[in-house]
Amino acid sequence: MSREQKVAAVEAYLDCFVTKDLSKVPFAEDVIFEGPRMPKLTGRPTVFGFLTHILPMVKGIQLKQHIVEGDYVATVFDMETVNGVDHVCDRIHIVGGQIKAIQAFYYPDEIRQGQAS
């Protein structure tokens, strides 16, 4: 796969946060999604369910950079949510044009009320 094809798969994923449409995201059937404050999610239906739940809270994203190496794309973006802005870096594994795994790393713009100072 070319760099452009891998980036296109990732951008289809990122677009779902804006369009609220998951139908164009090329998830593998056995996709894995991991984040810092959640259990590991496995399988397309489970990941779709999670994303469907959080999409209404996302106001938009601002792409910063894609870094492509081998079958992996590290994507850096800001995600504006109803709770503020999260700075995100997703490590996305692409196999055969499909998203096989997403490992999300993020932190809020400001420490939210009730968290450590």
PDB file of N, CA and C in Angstrom:
ATOM      1  N   MET A   1       0.838  -1.192   0.000  1.00  0.00           N
ATOM      2  CA  MET A   1       0.000   0.000   0.000  1.00  0.00           C
ATOM      3  C   MET A   1       0.873   1.241   0.000  1.00  0.00           C
ATOM      4  N   SER A   2       0.422   2.241  -0.695  1.00  0.00           N
ATOM      5  CA  SER A   2       1.152   3.502  -0.729  1.00  0.00           C
ATOM      6  C   SER A   2       0.867   4.314   0.535  1.00  0.00           C
ATOM      7  N   ARG A   3       1.716   5.276   0.772  1.00  0.00           N
ATOM      8  CA  ARG A   3       1.523   6.205   1.887  1.00  0.00           C
ATOM      9  C   ARG A   3       0.165   6.876   1.759  1.00  0.00           C
ATOM     10  N   GLU A   4      -0.184   7.300   0.552  1.00  0.00           N
ATOM     11  CA  GLU A   4      -1.450   8.003   0.316  1.00  0.00           C
ATOM     12  C   GLU A   4      -2.656   7.122   0.645  1.00  0.00           C
ATOM     13  N   GLN A   5      -2.573   5.825   0.334  1.00  0.00           N
ATOM     14  CA  GLN A   5      -3.681   4.915   0.627  1.00  0.00           C
ATOM     15  C   GLN A   5      -3.853   4.734   2.140  1.00  0.00           C
ATOM     16  N   LYS A   6      -2.743   4.649   2.858  1.00  0.00           N
ATOM     17  CA  LYS A   6      -2.817   4.518   4.316  1.00  0.00           C
ATOM     18  C   LYS A   6      -3.404   5.780   4.940  1.00  0.00           C
ATOM     19  N   VAL A   7      -2.934   6.934   4.477  1.00  0.00           N
ATOM     20  CA  VAL A   7      -3.452   8.205   4.986  1.00  0.00           C
ATOM     21  C   VAL A   7      -4.940   8.336   4.656  1.00  0.00           C
ATOM     22  N   ALA A   8      -5.357   7.894   3.469  1.00  0.00           N
ATOM     23  CA  ALA A   8      -6.773   7.963   3.089  1.00  0.00           C
ATOM     24  C   ALA A   8      -7.643   7.143   4.048  1.00  0.00           C
ATOM     25  N   ALA A   9      -7.172   5.971   4.452  1.00  0.00           N
ATOM     26  CA  ALA A   9      -7.925   5.141   5.401  1.00  0.00           C
ATOM     27  C   ALA A   9      -8.069   5.864   6.739  1.00  0.00           C
ATOM     28  N   VAL A  10      -6.977   6.482   7.201  1.00  0.00           N
ATOM     29  CA  VAL A  10      -7.014   7.217   8.461  1.00  0.00           C
ATOM     30  C   VAL A  10      -7.931   8.433   8.350  1.00  0.00           C
ATOM     31  N   GLU A  11      -7.856   9.140   7.239  1.00  0.00           N
ATOM     32  CA  GLU A  11      -8.708  10.325   7.080  1.00  0.00           C
ATOM     33  C   GLU A  11     -10.188   9.962   6.979  1.00  0.00           C
ATOM     34  N   ALA A  12     -10.505   8.783   6.446  1.00  0.00           N
ATOM     35  CA  ALA A  12     -11.897   8.324   6.454  1.00  0.00           C
ATOM     36  C   ALA A  12     -12.379   8.151   7.899  1.00  0.00           C
ATOM     37  N   TYR A  13     -11.486   7.657   8.760  1.00  0.00           N
ATOM     38  CA  TYR A  13     -11.801   7.531  10.191  1.00  0.00           C
ATOM     39  C   TYR A  13     -11.998   8.915  10.817  1.00  0.00           C
ATOM     40  N   LEU A  14     -11.076   9.819  10.566  1.00  0.00           N
ATOM     41  CA  LEU A  14     -11.180  11.160  11.142  1.00  0.00           C
ATOM     42  C   LEU A  14     -12.427  11.893  10.656  1.00  0.00           C
ATOM     43  N   ASP A  15     -12.803  11.666   9.415  1.00  0.00           N
ATOM     44  CA  ASP A  15     -13.991  12.313   8.854  1.00  0.00           C
ATOM     45  C   ASP A  15     -15.265  11.947   9.604  1.00  0.00           C
ATOM     46  N   CYS A  16     -15.298  10.748  10.192  1.00  0.00           N
ATOM     47  CA  CYS A  16     -16.520  10.344  10.901  1.00  0.00           C
ATOM     48  C   CYS A  16     -16.810  11.256  12.077  1.00  0.00           C
ATOM     49  N   PHE A  17     -15.782  11.888  12.638  1.00  0.00           N
ATOM     50  CA  PHE A  17     -15.995  12.798  13.765  1.00  0.00           C
ATOM     51  C   PHE A  17     -16.682  14.088  13.325  1.00  0.00           C
ATOM     52  N   VAL A  18     -16.523  14.428  12.061  1.00  0.00           N
ATOM     53  CA  VAL A  18     -17.141  15.640  11.509  1.00  0.00           C
ATOM     54  C   VAL A  18     -18.510  15.313  10.918  1.00  0.00           C
ATOM     55  N   THR A  19     -18.570  14.240  10.110  1.00  0.00           N
ATOM     56  CA  THR A  19     -19.805  13.902   9.396  1.00  0.00           C
ATOM     57  C   THR A  19     -20.789  13.100  10.250  1.00  0.00           C
ATOM     58  N   LYS A  20     -20.274  12.487  11.328  1.00  0.00           N
ATOM     59  CA  LYS A  20     -21.071  11.597  12.194  1.00  0.00           C
ATOM     60  C   LYS A  20     -21.519  10.348  11.445  1.00  0.00           C
ATOM     61  N   ASP A  21     -20.807  10.001  10.368  1.00  0.00           N
ATOM     62  CA  ASP A  21     -21.148   8.861   9.506  1.00  0.00           C
ATOM     63  C   ASP A  21     -20.011   7.847   9.555  1.00  0.00           C
ATOM     64  N   LEU A  22     -20.282   6.685  10.122  1.00  0.00           N
ATOM     65  CA  LEU A  22     -19.274   5.633  10.238  1.00  0.00           C
ATOM     66  C   LEU A  22     -19.218   4.713   9.023  1.00  0.00           C
ATOM     67  N   SER A  23     -20.127   4.869   8.089  1.00  0.00           N
ATOM     68  CA  SER A  23     -20.246   3.918   6.980  1.00  0.00           C
ATOM     69  C   SER A  23     -19.039   3.888   6.053  1.00  0.00           C
ATOM     70  N   LYS A  24     -18.242   4.945   6.024  1.00  0.00           N
ATOM     71  CA  LYS A  24     -17.092   4.993   5.111  1.00  0.00           C
ATOM     72  C   LYS A  24     -15.762   4.671   5.796  1.00  0.00           C
ATOM     73  N   VAL A  25     -15.820   4.334   7.075  1.00  0.00           N
ATOM     74  CA  VAL A  25     -14.602   4.013   7.809  1.00  0.00           C
ATOM     75  C   VAL A  25     -14.230   2.557   7.522  1.00  0.00           C
ATOM     76  N   PRO A  26     -13.011   2.318   6.999  1.00  0.00           N
ATOM     77  CA  PRO A  26     -12.625   0.957   6.620  1.00  0.00           C
ATOM     78  C   PRO A  26     -12.075   0.125   7.785  1.00  0.00           C
ATOM     79  N   PHE A  27     -12.933  -0.172   8.756  1.00  0.00           N
ATOM     80  CA  PHE A  27     -12.505  -0.990   9.882  1.00  0.00           C
ATOM     81  C   PHE A  27     -12.451  -2.457   9.482  1.00  0.00           C
ATOM     82  N   ALA A  28     -11.403  -3.141   9.921  1.00  0.00           N
ATOM     83  CA  ALA A  28     -11.349  -4.594   9.780  1.00  0.00           C
ATOM     84  C   ALA A  28     -12.412  -5.193  10.704  1.00  0.00           C
ATOM     85  N   GLU A  29     -12.867  -6.373  10.398  1.00  0.00           N
ATOM     86  CA  GLU A  29     -13.906  -7.026  11.214  1.00  0.00           C
ATOM     87  C   GLU A  29     -13.424  -7.236  12.652  1.00  0.00           C
ATOM     88  N   ASP A  30     -12.111  -7.493  12.822  1.00  0.00           N
ATOM     89  CA  ASP A  30     -11.557  -7.762  14.155  1.00  0.00           C
ATOM     90  C   ASP A  30     -10.753  -6.577  14.700  1.00  0.00           C
ATOM     91  N   VAL A  31     -11.145  -5.362  14.327  1.00  0.00           N
ATOM     92  CA  VAL A  31     -10.447  -4.150  14.766  1.00  0.00           C
ATOM     93  C   VAL A  31     -10.377  -4.082  16.289  1.00  0.00           C
ATOM     94  N   ILE A  32      -9.277  -3.489  16.770  1.00  0.00           N
ATOM     95  CA  ILE A  32      -9.079  -3.282  18.207  1.00  0.00           C
ATOM     96  C   ILE A  32      -8.931  -1.782  18.445  1.00  0.00           C
ATOM     97  N   PHE A  33      -9.602  -1.266  19.478  1.00  0.00           N
ATOM     98  CA  PHE A  33      -9.502   0.143  19.853  1.00  0.00           C
ATOM     99  C   PHE A  33      -9.091   0.203  21.312  1.00  0.00           C
ATOM    100  N   GLU A  34      -8.013   0.949  21.601  1.00  0.00           N
ATOM    101  CA  GLU A  34      -7.542   1.110  22.971  1.00  0.00           C
ATOM    102  C   GLU A  34      -7.364   2.587  23.282  1.00  0.00           C
ATOM    103  N   GLY A  35      -7.764   2.980  24.471  1.00  0.00           N
ATOM    104  CA  GLY A  35      -7.598   4.353  24.915  1.00  0.00           C
ATOM    105  C   GLY A  35      -7.158   4.373  26.366  1.00  0.00           C
ATOM    106  N   PRO A  36      -6.722   5.532  26.849  1.00  0.00           N
ATOM    107  CA  PRO A  36      -6.168   5.608  28.207  1.00  0.00           C
ATOM    108  C   PRO A  36      -7.174   5.433  29.334  1.00  0.00           C
ATOM    109  N   ARG A  37      -8.434   5.741  29.118  1.00  0.00           N
ATOM    110  CA  ARG A  37      -9.412   5.662  30.213  1.00  0.00           C
ATOM    111  C   ARG A  37     -10.570   4.731  29.881  1.00  0.00           C
ATOM    112  N   MET A  38     -10.231   3.620  29.212  1.00  0.00           N
ATOM    113  CA  MET A  38     -11.283   2.686  28.804  1.00  0.00           C
ATOM    114  C   MET A  38     -10.691   1.302  28.620  1.00  0.00           C
ATOM    115  N   PRO A  39     -11.525   0.278  28.668  1.00  0.00           N
ATOM    116  CA  PRO A  39     -11.016  -1.069  28.395  1.00  0.00           C
ATOM    117  C   PRO A  39     -10.756  -1.229  26.897  1.00  0.00           C
ATOM    118  N   LYS A  40      -9.970  -2.232  26.541  1.00  0.00           N
ATOM    119  CA  LYS A  40      -9.713  -2.533  25.133  1.00  0.00           C
ATOM    120  C   LYS A  40     -11.010  -3.022  24.490  1.00  0.00           C
ATOM    121  N   LEU A  41     -11.340  -2.429  23.335  1.00  0.00           N
ATOM    122  CA  LEU A  41     -12.537  -2.824  22.591  1.00  0.00           C
ATOM    123  C   LEU A  41     -12.104  -3.671  21.402  1.00  0.00           C
ATOM    124  N   THR A  42     -12.798  -4.772  21.165  1.00  0.00           N
ATOM    125  CA  THR A  42     -12.441  -5.672  20.083  1.00  0.00           C
ATOM    126  C   THR A  42     -13.653  -5.972  19.217  1.00  0.00           C
ATOM    127  N   GLY A  43     -13.464  -5.881  17.903  1.00  0.00           N
ATOM    128  CA  GLY A  43     -14.508  -6.211  16.942  1.00  0.00           C
ATOM    129  C   GLY A  43     -15.211  -4.982  16.400  1.00  0.00           C
ATOM    130  N   ARG A  44     -15.524  -5.064  15.134  1.00  0.00           N
ATOM    131  CA  ARG A  44     -16.162  -3.928  14.440  1.00  0.00           C
ATOM    132  C   ARG A  44     -17.450  -3.460  15.121  1.00  0.00           C
ATOM    133  N   PRO A  45     -18.378  -4.368  15.465  1.00  0.00           N
ATOM    134  CA  PRO A  45     -19.619  -3.904  16.112  1.00  0.00           C
ATOM    135  C   PRO A  45     -19.375  -3.172  17.435  1.00  0.00           C
ATOM    136  N   THR A  46     -18.416  -3.645  18.219  1.00  0.00           N
ATOM    137  CA  THR A  46     -18.115  -3.021  19.508  1.00  0.00           C
ATOM    138  C   THR A  46     -17.512  -1.636  19.313  1.00  0.00           C
ATOM    139  N   VAL A  47     -16.555  -1.517  18.384  1.00  0.00           N
ATOM    140  CA  VAL A  47     -15.919  -0.221  18.118  1.00  0.00           C
ATOM    141  C   VAL A  47     -16.943   0.747  17.529  1.00  0.00           C
ATOM    142  N   PHE A  48     -17.787   0.273  16.621  1.00  0.00           N
ATOM    143  CA  PHE A  48     -18.857   1.118  16.056  1.00  0.00           C
ATOM    144  C   PHE A  48     -19.774   1.622  17.163  1.00  0.00           C
ATOM    145  N   GLY A  49     -20.137   0.729  18.090  1.00  0.00           N
ATOM    146  CA  GLY A  49     -21.018   1.119  19.193  1.00  0.00           C
ATOM    147  C   GLY A  49     -20.396   2.207  20.047  1.00  0.00           C
ATOM    148  N   PHE A  50     -19.118   2.053  20.362  1.00  0.00           N
ATOM    149  CA  PHE A  50     -18.411   3.061  21.150  1.00  0.00           C
ATOM    150  C   PHE A  50     -18.381   4.395  20.425  1.00  0.00           C
ATOM    151  N   LEU A  51     -17.978   4.379  19.151  1.00  0.00           N
ATOM    152  CA  LEU A  51     -17.892   5.624  18.391  1.00  0.00           C
ATOM    153  C   LEU A  51     -19.261   6.281  18.221  1.00  0.00           C
ATOM    154  N   THR A  52     -20.285   5.484  17.986  1.00  0.00           N
ATOM    155  CA  THR A  52     -21.645   6.019  17.863  1.00  0.00           C
ATOM    156  C   THR A  52     -22.041   6.749  19.144  1.00  0.00           C
ATOM    157  N   HIS A  53     -21.592   6.235  20.268  1.00  0.00           N
ATOM    158  CA  HIS A  53     -21.894   6.850  21.569  1.00  0.00           C
ATOM    159  C   HIS A  53     -21.172   8.190  21.753  1.00  0.00           C
ATOM    160  N   ILE A  54     -19.911   8.287  21.295  1.00  0.00           N
ATOM    161  CA  ILE A  54     -19.148   9.518  21.546  1.00  0.00           C
ATOM    162  C   ILE A  54     -19.282  10.564  20.440  1.00  0.00           C
ATOM    163  N   LEU A  55     -19.684  10.176  19.237  1.00  0.00           N
ATOM    164  CA  LEU A  55     -19.753  11.135  18.128  1.00  0.00           C
ATOM    165  C   LEU A  55     -20.573  12.388  18.433  1.00  0.00           C
ATOM    166  N   PRO A  56     -21.714  12.295  19.111  1.00  0.00           N
ATOM    167  CA  PRO A  56     -22.481  13.521  19.396  1.00  0.00           C
ATOM    168  C   PRO A  56     -21.727  14.524  20.272  1.00  0.00           C
ATOM    169  N   MET A  57     -20.738  14.063  21.009  1.00  0.00           N
ATOM    170  CA  MET A  57     -19.987  14.962  21.896  1.00  0.00           C
ATOM    171  C   MET A  57     -18.849  15.688  21.171  1.00  0.00           C
ATOM    172  N   VAL A  58     -18.530  15.243  19.957  1.00  0.00           N
ATOM    173  CA  VAL A  58     -17.415  15.833  19.213  1.00  0.00           C
ATOM    174  C   VAL A  58     -17.936  16.953  18.324  1.00  0.00           C
ATOM    175  N   LYS A  59     -17.353  18.136  18.503  1.00  0.00           N
ATOM    176  CA  LYS A  59     -17.756  19.295  17.698  1.00  0.00           C
ATOM    177  C   LYS A  59     -16.937  19.401  16.422  1.00  0.00           C
ATOM    178  N   GLY A  60     -15.689  18.947  16.453  1.00  0.00           N
ATOM    179  CA  GLY A  60     -14.841  19.022  15.275  1.00  0.00           C
ATOM    180  C   GLY A  60     -13.422  18.604  15.585  1.00  0.00           C
ATOM    181  N   ILE A  61     -12.626  18.483  14.538  1.00  0.00           N
ATOM    182  CA  ILE A  61     -11.223  18.147  14.710  1.00  0.00           C
ATOM    183  C   ILE A  61     -10.374  19.077  13.850  1.00  0.00           C
ATOM    184  N   GLN A  62      -9.135  19.231  14.275  1.00  0.00           N
ATOM    185  CA  GLN A  62      -8.161  19.982  13.491  1.00  0.00           C
ATOM    186  C   GLN A  62      -6.926  19.098  13.342  1.00  0.00           C
ATOM    187  N   LEU A  63      -6.713  18.608  12.126  1.00  0.00           N
ATOM    188  CA  LEU A  63      -5.587  17.733  11.831  1.00  0.00           C
ATOM    189  C   LEU A  63      -4.285  18.508  11.939  1.00  0.00           C
ATOM    190  N   LYS A  64      -3.297  17.905  12.587  1.00  0.00           N
ATOM    191  CA  LYS A  64      -1.974  18.522  12.724  1.00  0.00           C
ATOM    192  C   LYS A  64      -0.949  17.824  11.831  1.00  0.00           C
ATOM    193  N   GLN A  65      -0.925  16.457  11.873  1.00  0.00           N
ATOM    194  CA  GLN A  65       0.120  15.747  11.142  1.00  0.00           C
ATOM    195  C   GLN A  65      -0.179  14.258  11.055  1.00  0.00           C
ATOM    196  N   HIS A  66       0.232  13.657   9.929  1.00  0.00           N
ATOM    197  CA  HIS A  66       0.268  12.200   9.768  1.00  0.00           C
ATOM    198  C   HIS A  66       1.735  11.804   9.662  1.00  0.00           C
ATOM    199  N   ILE A  67       2.135  10.786  10.391  1.00  0.00           N
ATOM    200  CA  ILE A  67       3.480  10.229  10.290  1.00  0.00           C
ATOM    201  C   ILE A  67       3.299   8.766   9.905  1.00  0.00           C
ATOM    202  N   VAL A  68       3.843   8.384   8.746  1.00  0.00           N
ATOM    203  CA  VAL A  68       3.637   7.034   8.225  1.00  0.00           C
ATOM    204  C   VAL A  68       4.950   6.266   8.268  1.00  0.00           C
ATOM    205  N   GLU A  69       4.889   5.080   8.863  1.00  0.00           N
ATOM    206  CA  GLU A  69       6.043   4.180   8.863  1.00  0.00           C
ATOM    207  C   GLU A  69       5.532   2.754   8.773  1.00  0.00           C
ATOM    208  N   GLY A  70       5.908   2.074   7.717  1.00  0.00           N
ATOM    209  CA  GLY A  70       5.447   0.702   7.525  1.00  0.00           C
ATOM    210  C   GLY A  70       3.930   0.658   7.452  1.00  0.00           C
ATOM    211  N   ASP A  71       3.337  -0.239   8.228  1.00  0.00           N
ATOM    212  CA  ASP A  71       1.876  -0.397   8.256  1.00  0.00           C
ATOM    213  C   ASP A  71       1.201   0.491   9.292  1.00  0.00           C
ATOM    214  N   TYR A  72       1.925   1.469   9.844  1.00  0.00           N
ATOM    215  CA  TYR A  72       1.395   2.310  10.906  1.00  0.00           C
ATOM    216  C   TYR A  72       1.333   3.774  10.487  1.00  0.00           C
ATOM    217  N   VAL A  73       0.276   4.434  10.961  1.00  0.00           N
ATOM    218  CA  VAL A  73       0.138   5.876  10.783  1.00  0.00           C
ATOM    219  C   VAL A  73      -0.082   6.460  12.171  1.00  0.00           C
ATOM    220  N   ALA A  74       0.778   7.385  12.547  1.00  0.00           N
ATOM    221  CA  ALA A  74       0.570   8.155  13.772  1.00  0.00           C
ATOM    222  C   ALA A  74      -0.071   9.463  13.330  1.00  0.00           C
ATOM    223  N   THR A  75      -1.235   9.746  13.859  1.00  0.00           N
ATOM    224  CA  THR A  75      -1.976  10.929  13.465  1.00  0.00           C
ATOM    225  C   THR A  75      -2.170  11.822  14.683  1.00  0.00           C
ATOM    226  N   VAL A  76      -1.778  13.070  14.527  1.00  0.00           N
ATOM    227  CA  VAL A  76      -1.874  14.050  15.603  1.00  0.00           C
ATOM    228  C   VAL A  76      -2.964  15.052  15.235  1.00  0.00           C
ATOM    229  N   PHE A  77      -3.914  15.247  16.143  1.00  0.00           N
ATOM    230  CA  PHE A  77      -5.000  16.189  15.878  1.00  0.00           C
ATOM    231  C   PHE A  77      -5.572  16.712  17.188  1.00  0.00           C
ATOM    232  N   ASP A  78      -6.260  17.841  17.096  1.00  0.00           N
ATOM    233  CA  ASP A  78      -7.013  18.374  18.218  1.00  0.00           C
ATOM    234  C   ASP A  78      -8.474  18.015  18.002  1.00  0.00           C
ATOM    235  N   MET A  79      -9.115  17.535  19.055  1.00  0.00           N
ATOM    236  CA  MET A  79     -10.532  17.178  18.991  1.00  0.00           C
ATOM    237  C   MET A  79     -11.303  18.112  19.914  1.00  0.00           C
ATOM    238  N   GLU A  80     -12.161  18.917  19.315  1.00  0.00           N
ATOM    239  CA  GLU A  80     -13.003  19.797  20.118  1.00  0.00           C
ATOM    240  C   GLU A  80     -14.249  19.025  20.521  1.00  0.00           C
ATOM    241  N   THR A  81     -14.475  18.964  21.825  1.00  0.00           N
ATOM    242  CA  THR A  81     -15.643  18.250  22.334  1.00  0.00           C
ATOM    243  C   THR A  81     -16.509  19.220  23.133  1.00  0.00           C
ATOM    244  N   VAL A  82     -17.646  18.743  23.577  1.00  0.00           N
ATOM    245  CA  VAL A  82     -18.517  19.572  24.404  1.00  0.00           C
ATOM    246  C   VAL A  82     -17.846  19.910  25.733  1.00  0.00           C
ATOM    247  N   ASN A  83     -16.805  19.158  26.108  1.00  0.00           N
ATOM    248  CA  ASN A  83     -16.079  19.384  27.360  1.00  0.00           C
ATOM    249  C   ASN A  83     -14.788  20.168  27.181  1.00  0.00           C
ATOM    250  N   GLY A  84     -14.476  20.595  25.955  1.00  0.00           N
ATOM    251  CA  GLY A  84     -13.228  21.308  25.704  1.00  0.00           C
ATOM    252  C   GLY A  84     -12.435  20.632  24.598  1.00  0.00           C
ATOM    253  N   VAL A  85     -11.147  20.954  24.530  1.00  0.00           N
ATOM    254  CA  VAL A  85     -10.287  20.432  23.466  1.00  0.00           C
ATOM    255  C   VAL A  85      -9.373  19.348  24.026  1.00  0.00           C
ATOM    256  N   ASP A  86      -9.340  18.195  23.349  1.00  0.00           N
ATOM    257  CA  ASP A  86      -8.387  17.135  23.660  1.00  0.00           C
ATOM    258  C   ASP A  86      -7.326  17.136  22.572  1.00  0.00           C
ATOM    259  N   HIS A  87      -6.061  17.028  22.985  1.00  0.00           N
ATOM    260  CA  HIS A  87      -4.955  16.891  22.040  1.00  0.00           C
ATOM    261  C   HIS A  87      -4.718  15.390  21.899  1.00  0.00           C
ATOM    262  N   VAL A  88      -4.775  14.890  20.665  1.00  0.00           N
ATOM    263  CA  VAL A  88      -4.810  13.453  20.422  1.00  0.00           C
ATOM    264  C   VAL A  88      -3.671  13.023  19.508  1.00  0.00           C
ATOM    265  N   CYS A  89      -3.110  11.864  19.811  1.00  0.00           N
ATOM    266  CA  CYS A  89      -2.206  11.167  18.898  1.00  0.00           C
ATOM    267  C   CYS A  89      -2.706   9.735  18.827  1.00  0.00           C
ATOM    268  N   ASP A  90      -3.157   9.331  17.655  1.00  0.00           N
ATOM    269  CA  ASP A  90      -3.616   7.959  17.445  1.00  0.00           C
ATOM    270  C   ASP A  90      -2.562   7.192  16.668  1.00  0.00           C
ATOM    271  N   ARG A  91      -2.224   6.012  17.156  1.00  0.00           N
ATOM    272  CA  ARG A  91      -1.333   5.091  16.443  1.00  0.00           C
ATOM    273  C   ARG A  91      -2.247   4.074  15.772  1.00  0.00           C
ATOM    274  N   ILE A  92      -2.301   4.131  14.446  1.00  0.00           N
ATOM    275  CA  ILE A  92      -3.280   3.343  13.697  1.00  0.00           C
ATOM    276  C   ILE A  92      -2.562   2.324  12.820  1.00  0.00           C
ATOM    277  N   HIS A  93      -2.943   1.063  12.964  1.00  0.00           N
ATOM    278  CA  HIS A  93      -2.369  -0.037  12.192  1.00  0.00           C
ATOM    279  C   HIS A  93      -3.271  -0.309  10.990  1.00  0.00           C
ATOM    280  N   ILE A  94      -2.701  -0.207   9.792  1.00  0.00           N
ATOM    281  CA  ILE A  94      -3.440  -0.411   8.553  1.00  0.00           C
ATOM    282  C   ILE A  94      -2.962  -1.708   7.903  1.00  0.00           C
ATOM    283  N   VAL A  95      -3.876  -2.610   7.603  1.00  0.00           N
ATOM    284  CA  VAL A  95      -3.544  -3.863   6.930  1.00  0.00           C
ATOM    285  C   VAL A  95      -4.509  -4.041   5.770  1.00  0.00           C
ATOM    286  N   GLY A  96      -3.964  -4.136   4.554  1.00  0.00           N
ATOM    287  CA  GLY A  96      -4.813  -4.366   3.378  1.00  0.00           C
ATOM    288  C   GLY A  96      -5.865  -3.283   3.174  1.00  0.00           C
ATOM    289  N   GLY A  97      -5.539  -2.062   3.525  1.00  0.00           N
ATOM    290  CA  GLY A  97      -6.475  -0.960   3.340  1.00  0.00           C
ATOM    291  C   GLY A  97      -7.499  -0.802   4.446  1.00  0.00           C
ATOM    292  N   GLN A  98      -7.435  -1.691   5.442  1.00  0.00           N
ATOM    293  CA  GLN A  98      -8.386  -1.617   6.550  1.00  0.00           C
ATOM    294  C   GLN A  98      -7.683  -1.238   7.843  1.00  0.00           C
ATOM    295  N   ILE A  99      -8.421  -0.563   8.707  1.00  0.00           N
ATOM    296  CA  ILE A  99      -7.901  -0.204  10.024  1.00  0.00           C
ATOM    297  C   ILE A  99      -8.023  -1.429  10.923  1.00  0.00           C
ATOM    298  N   LYS A 100      -6.860  -1.933  11.326  1.00  0.00           N
ATOM    299  CA  LYS A 100      -6.789  -3.144  12.145  1.00  0.00           C
ATOM    300  C   LYS A 100      -6.776  -2.810  13.641  1.00  0.00           C
ATOM    301  N   ALA A 101      -6.154  -1.657  13.977  1.00  0.00           N
ATOM    302  CA  ALA A 101      -6.075  -1.279  15.389  1.00  0.00           C
ATOM    303  C   ALA A 101      -5.862   0.225  15.513  1.00  0.00           C
ATOM    304  N   ILE A 102      -6.440   0.780  16.583  1.00  0.00           N
ATOM    305  CA  ILE A 102      -6.230   2.178  16.948  1.00  0.00           C
ATOM    306  C   ILE A 102      -5.838   2.204  18.406  1.00  0.00           C
ATOM    307  N   GLN A 103      -4.708   2.832  18.675  1.00  0.00           N
ATOM    308  CA  GLN A 103      -4.291   3.057  20.052  1.00  0.00           C
ATOM    309  C   GLN A 103      -4.268   4.566  20.242  1.00  0.00           C
ATOM    310  N   ALA A 104      -5.189   5.072  21.053  1.00  0.00           N
ATOM    311  CA  ALA A 104      -5.369   6.511  21.230  1.00  0.00           C
ATOM    312  C   ALA A 104      -4.629   7.002  22.473  1.00  0.00           C
ATOM    313  N   PHE A 105      -3.946   8.123  22.310  1.00  0.00           N
ATOM    314  CA  PHE A 105      -3.295   8.824  23.406  1.00  0.00           C
ATOM    315  C   PHE A 105      -3.816  10.253  23.359  1.00  0.00           C
ATOM    316  N   TYR A 106      -4.272  10.776  24.493  1.00  0.00           N
ATOM    317  CA  TYR A 106      -4.783  12.140  24.467  1.00  0.00           C
ATOM    318  C   TYR A 106      -4.704  12.776  25.845  1.00  0.00           C
ATOM    319  N   TYR A 107      -4.751  14.101  25.826  1.00  0.00           N
ATOM    320  CA  TYR A 107      -4.831  14.845  27.074  1.00  0.00           C
ATOM    321  C   TYR A 107      -5.663  16.095  26.824  1.00  0.00           C
ATOM    322  N   PRO A 108      -6.402  16.536  27.839  1.00  0.00           N
ATOM    323  CA  PRO A 108      -7.252  17.718  27.679  1.00  0.00           C
ATOM    324  C   PRO A 108      -6.422  18.994  27.634  1.00  0.00           C
ATOM    325  N   ASP A 109      -6.983  20.025  27.024  1.00  0.00           N
ATOM    326  CA  ASP A 109      -6.335  21.329  26.928  1.00  0.00           C
ATOM    327  C   ASP A 109      -6.061  21.889  28.324  1.00  0.00           C
ATOM    328  N   GLU A 110      -7.024  21.732  29.207  1.00  0.00           N
ATOM    329  CA  GLU A 110      -6.893  22.179  30.592  1.00  0.00           C
ATOM    330  C   GLU A 110      -7.267  21.018  31.489  1.00  0.00           C
ATOM    331  N   ILE A 111      -6.697  20.980  32.669  1.00  0.00           N
ATOM    332  CA  ILE A 111      -7.076  19.945  33.616  1.00  0.00           C
ATOM    333  C   ILE A 111      -8.505  20.193  34.037  1.00  0.00           C
ATOM    334  N   ARG A 112      -9.324  19.175  33.904  1.00  0.00           N
ATOM    335  CA  ARG A 112     -10.750  19.327  34.209  1.00  0.00           C
ATOM    336  C   ARG A 112     -10.979  19.346  35.713  1.00  0.00           C
ATOM    337  N   GLN A 113     -12.050  19.969  36.087  1.00  0.00           N
ATOM    338  CA  GLN A 113     -12.406  20.118  37.499  1.00  0.00           C
ATOM    339  C   GLN A 113     -12.418  18.743  38.169  1.00  0.00           C
ATOM    340  N   GLY A 114     -11.828  18.665  39.346  1.00  0.00           N
ATOM    341  CA  GLY A 114     -11.822  17.423  40.087  1.00  0.00           C
ATOM    342  C   GLY A 114     -10.597  16.565  39.837  1.00  0.00           C
ATOM    343  N   GLN A 115      -9.747  16.960  38.870  1.00  0.00           N
ATOM    344  CA  GLN A 115      -8.533  16.195  38.605  1.00  0.00           C
ATOM    345  C   GLN A 115      -7.362  16.843  39.323  1.00  0.00           C
ATOM    346  N   ALA A 116      -6.264  16.144  39.368  1.00  0.00           N
ATOM    347  CA  ALA A 116      -5.071  16.602  40.108  1.00  0.00           C
ATOM    348  C   ALA A 116      -4.624  17.985  39.655  1.00  0.00           C
ATOM    349  N   SER A 117      -4.091  18.744  40.586  1.00  0.00           N
ATOM    350  CA  SER A 117      -3.598  20.077  40.246  1.00  0.00           C
ATOM    351  C   SER A 117      -2.099  20.117  40.172  1.00  0.00           C
TER     352      SER A 117
END
